[in-house]
Amino acid sequence: MLSFTLGEGANNEEVKFTEMKEAMEGVRYIDFTPGGTSGSVRFESNAARTTCLEGLQAGTLTVLVGGAEAAWAIIEGDEEKEYWKAAFAAMKVS
């Protein structure tokens, strides 16, 4: 899983999930609330996540979020556990 933080000048009401999925291979789900400043991307496999992150870091892959480049980071370990705990709690409320 990768997290993203919207870049300067991004329009947080204009995040295009379809464009993000087309730019990154192996995306399973994008978690973002319109109006927010950050979100996450879940992938079909760790290999897809790694390929995407490497492309972003090398500059060979550009993914615009809300019309601007975003800051990307890997979510793993305790941070990933907390993500899933919050996601499952939200599912129970819905």
Protein backbone atom coordinates (compact mmCIF):
# COMPACT_ATOMS: atom_id res chain seq x y z
CA MET A 1 0.00 0.00 0.00
CA LEU A 2 1.15 3.55 -0.73
CA SER A 3 0.05 6.79 0.88
CA PHE A 4 -0.12 10.10 -0.92
CA THR A 5 -0.30 13.70 0.19
CA LEU A 6 -1.66 16.25 -2.23
CA GLY A 7 0.92 18.58 -3.69
CA GLU A 8 0.86 22.36 -3.79
CA GLY A 9 -1.85 23.67 -6.09
CA ALA A 10 -3.84 20.42 -6.08
CA ASN A 11 -7.60 20.69 -6.20
CA ASN A 12 -8.81 18.26 -3.57
CA GLU A 13 -12.30 18.27 -5.07
CA GLU A 14 -11.00 17.18 -8.49
CA VAL A 15 -9.19 13.92 -7.72
CA LYS A 16 -9.74 11.60 -10.70
CA PHE A 17 -9.62 7.97 -9.55
CA THR A 18 -9.89 6.60 -13.09
CA GLU A 19 -6.84 8.60 -14.20
CA MET A 20 -4.88 7.43 -11.16
CA LYS A 21 -5.77 3.78 -11.86
CA GLU A 22 -4.79 4.13 -15.52
CA ALA A 23 -1.40 5.62 -14.59
CA MET A 24 -0.52 2.92 -12.06
CA GLU A 25 -0.65 -0.79 -12.85
CA GLY A 26 -2.19 -3.21 -10.39
CA VAL A 27 -4.32 -0.77 -8.38
CA ARG A 28 -7.04 -2.49 -6.41
CA TYR A 29 -8.53 0.42 -4.43
CA ILE A 30 -7.98 4.13 -3.86
CA ASP A 31 -8.95 5.45 -0.44
CA PHE A 32 -9.54 9.22 -0.56
CA THR A 33 -12.28 11.51 0.72
CA PRO A 34 -13.03 14.54 -1.50
CA GLY A 35 -11.87 17.66 0.28
CA GLY A 36 -9.10 15.74 2.06
CA THR A 37 -5.37 16.24 1.74
CA SER A 38 -4.15 12.65 1.77
CA GLY A 39 -5.16 9.13 0.88
CA SER A 40 -3.86 5.69 0.08
CA VAL A 41 -3.66 3.26 -2.80
CA ARG A 42 -3.98 -0.49 -2.34
CA PHE A 43 -2.46 -2.78 -4.94
CA GLU A 44 -3.21 -6.29 -6.17
CA SER A 45 0.29 -7.39 -5.12
CA ASN A 46 3.43 -6.20 -3.36
CA ALA A 47 5.23 -6.43 -6.70
CA ALA A 48 2.79 -3.95 -8.28
CA ARG A 49 3.23 -1.60 -5.31
CA THR A 50 7.02 -1.81 -5.52
CA THR A 51 7.04 -1.20 -9.28
CA CYS A 52 4.82 1.84 -8.86
CA LEU A 53 6.87 3.31 -6.00
CA GLU A 54 10.13 2.76 -7.87
CA GLY A 55 8.71 4.53 -10.92
CA LEU A 56 7.52 7.45 -8.82
CA GLN A 57 10.88 7.76 -7.07
CA ALA A 58 12.88 7.47 -10.31
CA GLY A 59 10.70 10.01 -12.07
CA THR A 60 9.68 7.53 -14.79
CA LEU A 61 6.09 7.54 -13.52
CA THR A 62 4.09 10.68 -12.86
CA VAL A 63 0.69 10.42 -11.23
CA LEU A 64 -1.23 13.66 -10.91
CA VAL A 65 -3.63 13.81 -7.98
CA GLY A 66 -6.04 16.70 -8.13
CA GLY A 67 -4.06 18.16 -11.03
CA ALA A 68 -0.70 18.26 -9.23
CA GLU A 69 2.09 15.88 -8.30
CA ALA A 70 1.69 14.25 -4.91
CA ALA A 71 4.17 13.10 -2.28
CA TRP A 72 4.20 9.29 -2.04
CA ALA A 73 5.31 6.92 0.73
CA ILE A 74 5.02 3.22 1.44
CA ILE A 75 2.66 2.07 4.18
CA GLU A 76 3.86 -1.01 6.04
CA GLY A 77 4.39 -2.42 9.51
CA ASP A 78 2.58 -0.70 12.38
CA GLU A 79 1.29 2.06 10.10
CA GLU A 80 -0.37 -0.55 7.86
CA LYS A 81 -1.89 -2.31 10.89
CA GLU A 82 -3.39 0.98 12.08
CA TYR A 83 -4.76 1.66 8.59
CA TRP A 84 -6.56 -1.70 8.52
CA LYS A 85 -7.85 -1.28 12.07
CA ALA A 86 -9.41 2.07 11.13
CA ALA A 87 -10.74 0.72 7.81
CA PHE A 88 -12.46 -2.25 9.47
CA ALA A 89 -13.91 0.01 12.18
CA ALA A 90 -15.32 2.29 9.48
CA MET A 91 -16.86 -0.69 7.69
CA LYS A 92 -18.67 -1.75 10.89
CA VAL A 93 -20.15 1.75 11.28
CA SER A 94 -21.42 1.89 7.69
